[in-house]
Amino acid sequence: LTTFTLLGTGLVGLELKSVGIVFEELKANKVITKLVSVKAFLKSEYVKTIVEVLEINKTLKSLKLKDAQISYEGGVRISEALKSNITLSHLNLSNNMLSDAGARSIAEALKANKVLTKLNLSSNSIGNGGAKCIGGALKANKVLTKLNLGDNKIENEGSIAIGEGLKTNTVLTRLRPVSYTHLRAHETPEHLVCRLLLEKKK
């Protein structure tokens, strides 16, 4: 067993004490490499415990917390752990409630993180403010190769900031700045710049 999965509302029905026992085991576990939680409401207590796993566990390489109602406070906690984590390479926080505040914290973590190669922040109500911070982080980050920012609230101003970050970034090869439907039907000059910069690197 290398993957631990929580689906639907299963986690909600567990007593906090039981959840704590599960994650306490994960802290020292040397077998589990992937933790998946989909549509399971993660209260702040759960997020705190997951962060502790990130700080201690040296085996976990992939973490998926999709549609878990994680707020920007949870995003801040996860970001702090990412700054020092040396094993996690894939992080999926899609369909949560990070907003610009959470994106700012994650952007700061990206400046320090040395191992994360794939990040999904789609559908998190991230706007131009968060996009600007991420664009700045792309100038400093040397390892992230795939970034999904689709289905957020990023407009031209935010896209320009990401494009500026891509000018000096030499590692990112895949970027989803907006939803595919929007990109195909309403591609702006700024989005076009982002796409062309990425295509140029391939």
Protein backbone atom coordinates (compact mmCIF):
# COMPACT_ATOMS: atom_id res chain seq x y z
CA LEU A 1 0.00 0.00 0.00
CA THR A 2 1.55 3.27 -1.16
CA THR A 3 -1.60 5.44 -1.47
CA PHE A 4 -3.90 6.53 1.37
CA THR A 5 -7.27 7.79 0.13
CA LEU A 6 -10.20 9.62 1.75
CA LEU A 7 -13.24 9.96 -0.50
CA GLY A 8 -16.56 11.78 -0.20
CA THR A 9 -17.72 12.64 3.29
CA GLY A 10 -15.92 9.74 4.90
CA LEU A 11 -13.59 12.00 6.84
CA VAL A 12 -16.45 14.06 8.23
CA GLY A 13 -17.90 11.03 9.90
CA LEU A 14 -14.69 10.20 11.71
CA GLU A 15 -14.08 11.42 15.22
CA LEU A 16 -11.28 13.97 15.41
CA LYS A 17 -9.42 11.61 17.72
CA SER A 18 -9.56 8.86 15.08
CA VAL A 19 -8.36 11.24 12.38
CA GLY A 20 -5.50 12.25 14.62
CA ILE A 21 -4.49 8.62 15.07
CA VAL A 22 -4.51 8.09 11.29
CA PHE A 23 -2.30 11.09 10.61
CA GLU A 24 -0.02 10.35 13.54
CA GLU A 25 0.71 7.06 11.83
CA LEU A 26 1.43 8.88 8.57
CA LYS A 27 4.04 11.07 10.25
CA ALA A 28 6.31 8.09 10.81
CA ASN A 29 5.12 5.98 7.87
CA LYS A 30 7.85 5.07 5.40
CA VAL A 31 5.63 3.36 2.83
CA ILE A 32 2.84 5.80 1.90
CA THR A 33 3.96 8.07 -0.94
CA LYS A 34 0.58 9.52 -1.96
CA LEU A 35 -2.22 11.02 0.16
CA VAL A 36 -5.53 11.70 -1.60
CA SER A 37 -8.58 13.49 -0.20
CA VAL A 38 -11.47 14.27 -2.55
CA LYS A 39 -14.70 16.00 -1.46
CA ALA A 40 -13.92 15.49 2.21
CA PHE A 41 -14.47 18.61 4.30
CA LEU A 42 -11.15 19.28 6.01
CA LYS A 43 -11.64 21.32 9.15
CA SER A 44 -8.76 23.48 10.37
CA GLU A 45 -7.81 20.73 12.83
CA TYR A 46 -7.39 18.26 9.98
CA VAL A 47 -5.35 20.70 7.91
CA LYS A 48 -3.11 21.35 10.89
CA THR A 49 -2.45 17.63 11.24
CA ILE A 50 -1.72 17.27 7.51
CA VAL A 51 0.76 20.15 7.78
CA GLU A 52 2.49 18.30 10.61
CA VAL A 53 2.74 15.28 8.31
CA LEU A 54 4.43 17.47 5.67
CA GLU A 55 6.88 18.74 8.25
CA ILE A 56 7.85 15.32 9.58
CA ASN A 57 7.17 12.66 6.95
CA LYS A 58 10.11 12.03 4.59
CA THR A 59 8.32 9.68 2.20
CA LEU A 60 5.19 11.50 0.99
CA LYS A 61 5.67 12.70 -2.59
CA SER A 62 2.11 13.48 -3.71
CA LEU A 63 -0.66 15.27 -1.82
CA LYS A 64 -4.15 15.80 -3.29
CA LEU A 65 -6.65 17.81 -1.23
CA LYS A 66 -9.30 18.48 -3.87
CA ASP A 67 -12.66 20.06 -3.08
CA ALA A 68 -11.92 20.02 0.65
CA GLN A 69 -13.18 23.53 1.51
CA ILE A 70 -9.71 24.62 2.57
CA SER A 71 -9.72 28.35 3.37
CA TYR A 72 -6.89 30.81 2.90
CA GLU A 73 -5.86 30.12 6.53
CA GLY A 74 -5.36 26.48 5.60
CA GLY A 75 -3.42 27.58 2.55
CA VAL A 76 -1.13 29.66 4.74
CA ARG A 77 -0.42 26.68 6.99
CA ILE A 78 0.33 24.41 4.07
CA SER A 79 2.58 27.08 2.55
CA GLU A 80 4.68 27.30 5.69
CA ALA A 81 5.27 23.56 5.56
CA LEU A 82 6.22 23.72 1.88
CA LYS A 83 9.06 26.12 2.61
CA SER A 84 11.02 23.42 4.41
CA ASN A 85 9.58 20.22 2.90
CA ILE A 86 12.16 18.25 0.93
CA THR A 87 10.12 15.35 -0.52
CA LEU A 88 6.70 16.51 -1.84
CA SER A 89 6.81 16.86 -5.64
CA HIS A 90 3.08 17.01 -6.51
CA LEU A 91 0.46 19.18 -4.75
CA ASN A 92 -3.18 19.47 -5.81
CA LEU A 93 -5.29 22.05 -3.95
CA SER A 94 -7.93 22.49 -6.64
CA ASN A 95 -11.55 23.43 -5.89
CA ASN A 96 -10.91 25.05 -2.54
CA MET A 97 -11.22 28.58 -1.12
CA LEU A 98 -7.65 29.85 -1.08
CA SER A 99 -8.39 33.24 -2.72
CA ASP A 100 -5.65 35.83 -3.25
CA ALA A 101 -4.51 35.59 0.37
CA GLY A 102 -3.79 31.88 0.09
CA ALA A 103 -2.13 32.34 -3.30
CA ARG A 104 0.22 34.96 -1.84
CA SER A 105 1.39 32.54 0.84
CA ILE A 106 1.90 29.73 -1.64
CA ALA A 107 3.84 32.11 -3.90
CA GLU A 108 6.20 32.85 -1.02
CA ALA A 109 6.64 29.13 -0.45
CA LEU A 110 7.49 28.61 -4.12
CA LYS A 111 10.41 31.01 -3.76
CA ALA A 112 11.97 28.78 -1.12
CA ASN A 113 10.80 25.29 -2.10
CA LYS A 114 13.34 23.12 -3.92
CA VAL A 115 11.35 19.97 -4.79
CA LEU A 116 7.75 20.75 -5.85
CA THR A 117 7.42 20.18 -9.61
CA LYS A 118 3.63 20.06 -10.10
CA LEU A 119 1.09 22.44 -8.53
CA ASN A 120 -2.67 22.64 -9.13
CA LEU A 121 -4.45 25.75 -7.78
CA SER A 122 -7.41 25.70 -10.16
CA SER A 123 -10.86 26.87 -9.01
CA ASN A 124 -9.73 28.77 -5.92
CA SER A 125 -11.12 32.26 -6.58
CA ILE A 126 -7.62 33.59 -7.20
CA GLY A 127 -7.63 37.03 -8.80
CA ASN A 128 -5.07 39.45 -10.18
CA GLY A 129 -3.51 40.03 -6.76
CA GLY A 130 -2.69 36.38 -6.28
CA ALA A 131 -1.56 36.03 -9.89
CA LYS A 132 0.91 38.90 -9.46
CA CYS A 133 2.47 37.15 -6.46
CA ILE A 134 2.70 33.87 -8.35
CA GLY A 135 4.25 35.68 -11.30
CA GLY A 136 6.89 37.06 -8.97
CA ALA A 137 7.53 33.62 -7.54
CA LEU A 138 8.08 32.19 -11.02
CA LYS A 139 11.07 34.50 -11.39
CA ALA A 140 12.77 32.85 -8.41
CA ASN A 141 11.51 29.26 -8.57
CA LYS A 142 13.87 26.78 -10.24
CA VAL A 143 11.97 23.48 -10.04
CA LEU A 144 8.23 23.88 -10.82
CA THR A 145 7.45 22.45 -14.27
CA LYS A 146 3.63 22.30 -14.25
CA LEU A 147 1.21 24.93 -12.89
CA ASN A 148 -2.58 24.90 -13.15
CA LEU A 149 -4.34 28.21 -12.44
CA GLY A 150 -7.43 27.43 -14.50
CA ASP A 151 -10.97 28.47 -13.59
CA ASN A 152 -9.92 31.30 -11.30
CA LYS A 153 -10.60 35.04 -11.55
CA ILE A 154 -7.35 36.02 -13.24
CA GLU A 155 -7.80 38.76 -15.82
CA ASN A 156 -5.41 40.58 -18.16
CA GLU A 157 -3.47 42.32 -15.38
CA GLY A 158 -2.76 39.05 -13.62
CA SER A 159 -1.89 37.30 -16.88
CA ILE A 160 0.65 40.01 -17.69
CA ALA A 161 2.32 39.48 -14.31
CA ILE A 162 2.56 35.74 -14.94
CA GLY A 163 3.95 36.46 -18.40
CA GLU A 164 6.63 38.66 -16.84
CA GLY A 165 7.58 35.83 -14.51
CA LEU A 166 7.87 33.44 -17.44
CA LYS A 167 10.35 35.68 -19.22
CA THR A 168 13.13 34.70 -16.82
CA ASN A 169 11.77 31.32 -15.70
CA THR A 170 13.62 28.49 -17.43
CA VAL A 171 11.87 25.39 -16.02
CA LEU A 172 8.08 25.79 -16.27
CA THR A 173 6.86 23.94 -19.36
CA ARG A 174 3.12 23.66 -18.76
CA LEU A 175 0.78 26.41 -17.62
CA ARG A 176 -2.98 26.63 -17.54
CA PRO A 177 -3.72 30.33 -16.90
CA VAL A 178 -7.47 30.22 -17.54
CA SER A 179 -10.11 27.64 -18.35
CA TYR A 180 -9.55 25.89 -21.67
CA THR A 181 -12.96 27.01 -22.92
CA HIS A 182 -12.17 30.63 -22.17
CA LEU A 183 -8.69 30.35 -23.65
CA ARG A 184 -9.94 29.05 -26.97
CA ALA A 185 -12.83 31.46 -27.33
CA HIS A 186 -11.45 34.63 -25.76
CA GLU A 187 -7.66 34.45 -25.78
CA THR A 188 -6.32 37.89 -24.97
CA PRO A 189 -2.93 39.19 -26.14
CA GLU A 190 -1.61 38.66 -22.62
CA HIS A 191 -2.75 35.03 -22.50
CA LEU A 192 -1.25 34.58 -25.96
CA VAL A 193 2.10 35.85 -24.64
CA CYS A 194 1.99 33.29 -21.82
CA ARG A 195 1.24 30.48 -24.24
CA LEU A 196 3.89 31.48 -26.75
CA LEU A 197 6.53 31.82 -24.04
CA LEU A 198 5.79 28.30 -22.89
CA GLU A 199 5.76 26.89 -26.42
CA LYS A 200 9.11 28.53 -27.05
CA LYS A 201 10.61 26.52 -24.18
CA LYS A 202 9.50 23.16 -25.53
